[in-house]
Amino acid sequence: MKQLIIGGAIITVVALIVSSGLFQPDAKWAGVDEAVVNHFAEKAGRPAQEAYINVGRGDMQLFFFLLAGALGGFVAGYHYRELFAPRKNRAGEPADV
């Protein structure tokens, strides 16, 4: 148990040092669009374009996409029985759901 705690503490300290930018203090953290999507778009020969709905800089579009997905999931979960009504079996009784 003691080894597990010491190992966890070492991993935590190393993760904090690496994520703090100690090794590259002037490094700019690129968003997903800049780091991944633009890279593959340029590789495929298609330059980056301005977004249809520009909501700001960085990962703000991804955040709004996350909020919309969470809201849609909540609404679909709340109305699950109405959206996916249980089917009746051949005897005319509701199926076990």
N, C-alpha and C. Protein backbone atom coordinates (compact mmCIF):
# COMPACT_ATOMS: atom_id res chain seq x y z
N MET A 1 0.82 -1.19 0.00
CA MET A 1 0.00 0.00 0.00
C MET A 1 0.87 1.26 0.00
N LYS A 2 1.96 1.18 0.76
CA LYS A 2 2.86 2.33 0.84
C LYS A 2 3.50 2.61 -0.52
N GLN A 3 3.85 1.54 -1.26
CA GLN A 3 4.45 1.71 -2.58
C GLN A 3 3.46 2.33 -3.55
N LEU A 4 2.20 1.96 -3.43
CA LEU A 4 1.17 2.51 -4.30
C LEU A 4 0.99 4.01 -4.07
N ILE A 5 1.01 4.42 -2.83
CA ILE A 5 0.86 5.85 -2.50
C ILE A 5 2.08 6.64 -3.00
N ILE A 6 3.27 6.09 -2.79
CA ILE A 6 4.48 6.78 -3.25
C ILE A 6 4.49 6.86 -4.77
N GLY A 7 4.13 5.77 -5.44
CA GLY A 7 4.07 5.78 -6.90
C GLY A 7 3.05 6.78 -7.42
N GLY A 8 1.89 6.85 -6.79
CA GLY A 8 0.87 7.82 -7.20
C GLY A 8 1.33 9.25 -6.99
N ALA A 9 2.04 9.49 -5.88
CA ALA A 9 2.55 10.84 -5.62
C ALA A 9 3.60 11.23 -6.65
N ILE A 10 4.46 10.30 -7.02
CA ILE A 10 5.50 10.59 -8.03
C ILE A 10 4.86 10.89 -9.38
N ILE A 11 3.89 10.09 -9.76
CA ILE A 11 3.20 10.32 -11.04
C ILE A 11 2.49 11.67 -11.03
N THR A 12 1.88 12.02 -9.92
CA THR A 12 1.18 13.31 -9.82
C THR A 12 2.16 14.47 -9.94
N VAL A 13 3.29 14.38 -9.26
CA VAL A 13 4.29 15.45 -9.31
C VAL A 13 4.83 15.60 -10.72
N VAL A 14 5.16 14.48 -11.38
CA VAL A 14 5.68 14.54 -12.74
C VAL A 14 4.63 15.14 -13.69
N ALA A 15 3.36 14.73 -13.53
CA ALA A 15 2.29 15.26 -14.38
C ALA A 15 2.12 16.77 -14.17
N LEU A 16 2.21 17.24 -12.94
CA LEU A 16 2.09 18.67 -12.66
C LEU A 16 3.25 19.45 -13.26
N ILE A 17 4.45 18.91 -13.18
CA ILE A 17 5.61 19.60 -13.74
C ILE A 17 5.50 19.69 -15.25
N VAL A 18 5.12 18.59 -15.89
CA VAL A 18 5.02 18.57 -17.35
C VAL A 18 3.89 19.50 -17.82
N SER A 19 2.74 19.47 -17.14
CA SER A 19 1.61 20.28 -17.58
C SER A 19 1.75 21.76 -17.23
N SER A 20 2.67 22.09 -16.33
CA SER A 20 2.82 23.49 -15.94
C SER A 20 3.57 24.30 -16.98
N GLY A 21 4.20 23.65 -17.93
CA GLY A 21 4.96 24.38 -18.95
C GLY A 21 6.32 24.80 -18.45
N LEU A 22 6.83 24.13 -17.47
CA LEU A 22 8.12 24.47 -16.90
C LEU A 22 9.24 24.35 -17.94
N PHE A 23 9.12 23.35 -18.81
CA PHE A 23 10.16 23.12 -19.80
C PHE A 23 10.04 24.07 -20.99
N GLN A 24 8.83 24.54 -21.30
CA GLN A 24 8.60 25.46 -22.40
C GLN A 24 7.68 26.59 -21.91
N PRO A 25 8.21 27.55 -21.20
CA PRO A 25 7.34 28.58 -20.61
C PRO A 25 6.67 29.48 -21.65
N ASP A 26 7.27 29.63 -22.85
CA ASP A 26 6.69 30.51 -23.86
C ASP A 26 5.83 29.75 -24.86
N ALA A 27 5.59 28.48 -24.61
CA ALA A 27 4.83 27.67 -25.57
C ALA A 27 3.36 28.07 -25.55
N LYS A 28 2.78 28.12 -26.75
CA LYS A 28 1.36 28.43 -26.89
C LYS A 28 0.62 27.12 -27.09
N TRP A 29 -0.41 26.89 -26.28
CA TRP A 29 -1.19 25.67 -26.41
C TRP A 29 -2.21 25.88 -27.51
N ALA A 30 -2.11 25.09 -28.55
CA ALA A 30 -3.03 25.20 -29.69
C ALA A 30 -4.31 24.43 -29.38
N GLY A 31 -5.41 24.94 -29.91
CA GLY A 31 -6.68 24.24 -29.76
C GLY A 31 -6.74 23.04 -30.68
N VAL A 32 -7.79 22.26 -30.55
CA VAL A 32 -7.94 21.06 -31.37
C VAL A 32 -8.03 21.43 -32.84
N ASP A 33 -8.73 22.51 -33.16
CA ASP A 33 -8.87 22.92 -34.55
C ASP A 33 -7.51 23.26 -35.16
N GLU A 34 -6.70 23.98 -34.43
CA GLU A 34 -5.40 24.39 -34.94
C GLU A 34 -4.43 23.22 -35.01
N ALA A 35 -4.42 22.41 -33.99
CA ALA A 35 -3.41 21.36 -33.89
C ALA A 35 -3.72 20.14 -34.75
N VAL A 36 -4.97 19.76 -34.85
CA VAL A 36 -5.30 18.51 -35.52
C VAL A 36 -6.03 18.73 -36.84
N VAL A 37 -7.15 19.42 -36.79
CA VAL A 37 -8.01 19.54 -37.96
C VAL A 37 -7.30 20.30 -39.08
N ASN A 38 -6.69 21.44 -38.76
CA ASN A 38 -5.98 22.21 -39.79
C ASN A 38 -4.81 21.43 -40.37
N HIS A 39 -4.14 20.65 -39.55
CA HIS A 39 -3.01 19.86 -40.02
C HIS A 39 -3.46 18.86 -41.10
N PHE A 40 -4.54 18.14 -40.83
CA PHE A 40 -5.02 17.15 -41.79
C PHE A 40 -5.65 17.82 -43.01
N ALA A 41 -6.26 18.97 -42.83
CA ALA A 41 -6.84 19.69 -43.97
C ALA A 41 -5.73 20.16 -44.91
N GLU A 42 -4.66 20.68 -44.37
CA GLU A 42 -3.55 21.12 -45.21
C GLU A 42 -2.87 19.94 -45.89
N LYS A 43 -2.78 18.81 -45.20
CA LYS A 43 -2.20 17.61 -45.78
C LYS A 43 -3.03 17.12 -46.96
N ALA A 44 -4.35 17.30 -46.88
CA ALA A 44 -5.25 16.86 -47.95
C ALA A 44 -5.36 17.90 -49.06
N GLY A 45 -4.70 19.05 -48.91
CA GLY A 45 -4.72 20.08 -49.94
C GLY A 45 -5.90 21.02 -49.85
N ARG A 46 -6.56 21.07 -48.70
CA ARG A 46 -7.70 21.97 -48.51
C ARG A 46 -7.35 22.96 -47.42
N PRO A 47 -7.22 24.23 -47.75
CA PRO A 47 -6.85 25.22 -46.73
C PRO A 47 -7.97 25.43 -45.71
N ALA A 48 -7.58 25.92 -44.55
CA ALA A 48 -8.56 26.19 -43.51
C ALA A 48 -9.50 27.31 -43.94
N GLN A 49 -10.76 27.20 -43.55
CA GLN A 49 -11.76 28.21 -43.87
C GLN A 49 -12.34 28.80 -42.58
N GLU A 50 -12.91 29.95 -42.72
CA GLU A 50 -13.58 30.58 -41.58
C GLU A 50 -14.84 29.79 -41.24
N ALA A 51 -15.15 29.68 -39.98
CA ALA A 51 -16.33 28.93 -39.55
C ALA A 51 -17.60 29.64 -39.99
N TYR A 52 -18.64 28.86 -40.24
CA TYR A 52 -19.93 29.44 -40.64
C TYR A 52 -20.52 30.27 -39.51
N ILE A 53 -20.45 29.74 -38.31
CA ILE A 53 -20.92 30.47 -37.13
C ILE A 53 -19.70 30.67 -36.25
N ASN A 54 -19.15 31.87 -36.25
CA ASN A 54 -17.95 32.15 -35.49
C ASN A 54 -18.34 32.57 -34.09
N VAL A 55 -18.07 31.71 -33.12
CA VAL A 55 -18.46 31.98 -31.74
C VAL A 55 -17.28 32.41 -30.88
N GLY A 56 -16.15 32.61 -31.45
CA GLY A 56 -15.02 33.05 -30.66
C GLY A 56 -13.75 32.30 -31.00
N ARG A 57 -12.78 32.44 -30.14
CA ARG A 57 -11.47 31.85 -30.38
C ARG A 57 -11.31 30.57 -29.58
N GLY A 58 -10.32 29.80 -29.96
CA GLY A 58 -9.98 28.59 -29.21
C GLY A 58 -10.99 27.49 -29.40
N ASP A 59 -11.29 26.81 -28.32
CA ASP A 59 -12.18 25.66 -28.38
C ASP A 59 -13.61 26.02 -27.98
N MET A 60 -14.01 27.26 -28.19
CA MET A 60 -15.36 27.67 -27.81
C MET A 60 -16.42 26.93 -28.63
N GLN A 61 -16.13 26.68 -29.91
CA GLN A 61 -17.09 25.95 -30.74
C GLN A 61 -17.28 24.54 -30.22
N LEU A 62 -16.20 23.89 -29.79
CA LEU A 62 -16.32 22.55 -29.22
C LEU A 62 -17.10 22.57 -27.92
N PHE A 63 -16.93 23.63 -27.14
CA PHE A 63 -17.68 23.74 -25.88
C PHE A 63 -19.17 23.88 -26.16
N PHE A 64 -19.54 24.70 -27.15
CA PHE A 64 -20.95 24.83 -27.49
C PHE A 64 -21.51 23.53 -28.06
N PHE A 65 -20.71 22.80 -28.82
CA PHE A 65 -21.12 21.50 -29.32
C PHE A 65 -21.37 20.53 -28.17
N LEU A 66 -20.51 20.58 -27.15
CA LEU A 66 -20.68 19.75 -25.97
C LEU A 66 -21.96 20.11 -25.24
N LEU A 67 -22.22 21.40 -25.07
CA LEU A 67 -23.45 21.82 -24.39
C LEU A 67 -24.69 21.38 -25.16
N ALA A 68 -24.67 21.51 -26.49
CA ALA A 68 -25.82 21.10 -27.29
C ALA A 68 -26.04 19.60 -27.19
N GLY A 69 -24.96 18.83 -27.20
CA GLY A 69 -25.08 17.38 -27.06
C GLY A 69 -25.60 16.97 -25.70
N ALA A 70 -25.14 17.64 -24.66
CA ALA A 70 -25.61 17.33 -23.31
C ALA A 70 -27.09 17.69 -23.17
N LEU A 71 -27.48 18.83 -23.70
CA LEU A 71 -28.89 19.23 -23.64
C LEU A 71 -29.76 18.26 -24.44
N GLY A 72 -29.32 17.90 -25.64
CA GLY A 72 -30.08 16.94 -26.44
C GLY A 72 -30.17 15.58 -25.77
N GLY A 73 -29.10 15.14 -25.14
CA GLY A 73 -29.11 13.87 -24.41
C GLY A 73 -30.05 13.91 -23.23
N PHE A 74 -30.07 15.02 -22.52
CA PHE A 74 -30.98 15.16 -21.38
C PHE A 74 -32.44 15.11 -21.84
N VAL A 75 -32.74 15.84 -22.91
CA VAL A 75 -34.12 15.88 -23.42
C VAL A 75 -34.53 14.49 -23.92
N ALA A 76 -33.64 13.82 -24.66
CA ALA A 76 -33.96 12.49 -25.17
C ALA A 76 -34.12 11.49 -24.03
N GLY A 77 -33.30 11.60 -23.00
CA GLY A 77 -33.42 10.70 -21.85
C GLY A 77 -34.68 10.95 -21.06
N TYR A 78 -35.06 12.21 -20.94
CA TYR A 78 -36.26 12.56 -20.19
C TYR A 78 -37.51 12.03 -20.89
N HIS A 79 -37.51 12.07 -22.21
CA HIS A 79 -38.67 11.63 -22.99
C HIS A 79 -38.44 10.26 -23.62
N TYR A 80 -37.62 9.42 -22.99
CA TYR A 80 -37.27 8.13 -23.56
C TYR A 80 -38.50 7.27 -23.83
N ARG A 81 -39.41 7.18 -22.88
CA ARG A 81 -40.60 6.34 -23.04
C ARG A 81 -41.49 6.83 -24.17
N GLU A 82 -41.53 8.12 -24.38
CA GLU A 82 -42.34 8.66 -25.47
C GLU A 82 -41.66 8.44 -26.83
N LEU A 83 -40.33 8.56 -26.84
CA LEU A 83 -39.61 8.39 -28.10
C LEU A 83 -39.55 6.92 -28.53
N PHE A 84 -39.33 6.05 -27.58
CA PHE A 84 -39.19 4.63 -27.87
C PHE A 84 -40.24 3.87 -27.06
N ALA A 85 -41.46 3.90 -27.54
CA ALA A 85 -42.56 3.24 -26.84
C ALA A 85 -42.32 1.73 -26.85
N PRO A 86 -42.63 1.05 -25.75
CA PRO A 86 -42.43 -0.41 -25.74
C PRO A 86 -43.38 -1.08 -26.73
N ARG A 87 -42.85 -2.09 -27.42
CA ARG A 87 -43.66 -2.81 -28.40
C ARG A 87 -44.54 -3.83 -27.70
N LYS A 88 -45.66 -4.05 -28.27
CA LYS A 88 -46.55 -5.05 -27.71
C LYS A 88 -46.18 -6.41 -28.31
N ASN A 89 -46.28 -7.45 -27.47
CA ASN A 89 -46.01 -8.78 -28.01
C ASN A 89 -47.27 -9.32 -28.68
N ARG A 90 -47.21 -10.51 -29.19
CA ARG A 90 -48.32 -11.05 -29.97
C ARG A 90 -49.57 -11.27 -29.13
N ALA A 91 -49.41 -11.47 -27.85
CA ALA A 91 -50.57 -11.71 -26.99
C ALA A 91 -51.29 -10.42 -26.63
N GLY A 92 -50.74 -9.28 -27.04
CA GLY A 92 -51.38 -8.01 -26.76
C GLY A 92 -50.96 -7.37 -25.45
N GLU A 93 -50.04 -7.98 -24.74
CA GLU A 93 -49.55 -7.41 -23.49
C GLU A 93 -48.26 -6.64 -23.77
N PRO A 94 -47.99 -5.59 -22.99
CA PRO A 94 -46.76 -4.84 -23.23
C PRO A 94 -45.53 -5.71 -22.96
N ALA A 95 -44.54 -5.53 -23.76
CA ALA A 95 -43.30 -6.29 -23.59
C ALA A 95 -42.54 -5.79 -22.37
N ASP A 96 -41.75 -6.66 -21.78
CA ASP A 96 -40.92 -6.25 -20.65
C ASP A 96 -39.80 -5.35 -21.16
N VAL A 97 -39.65 -4.21 -20.54
CA VAL A 97 -38.60 -3.28 -20.95
C VAL A 97 -37.62 -3.12 -19.83
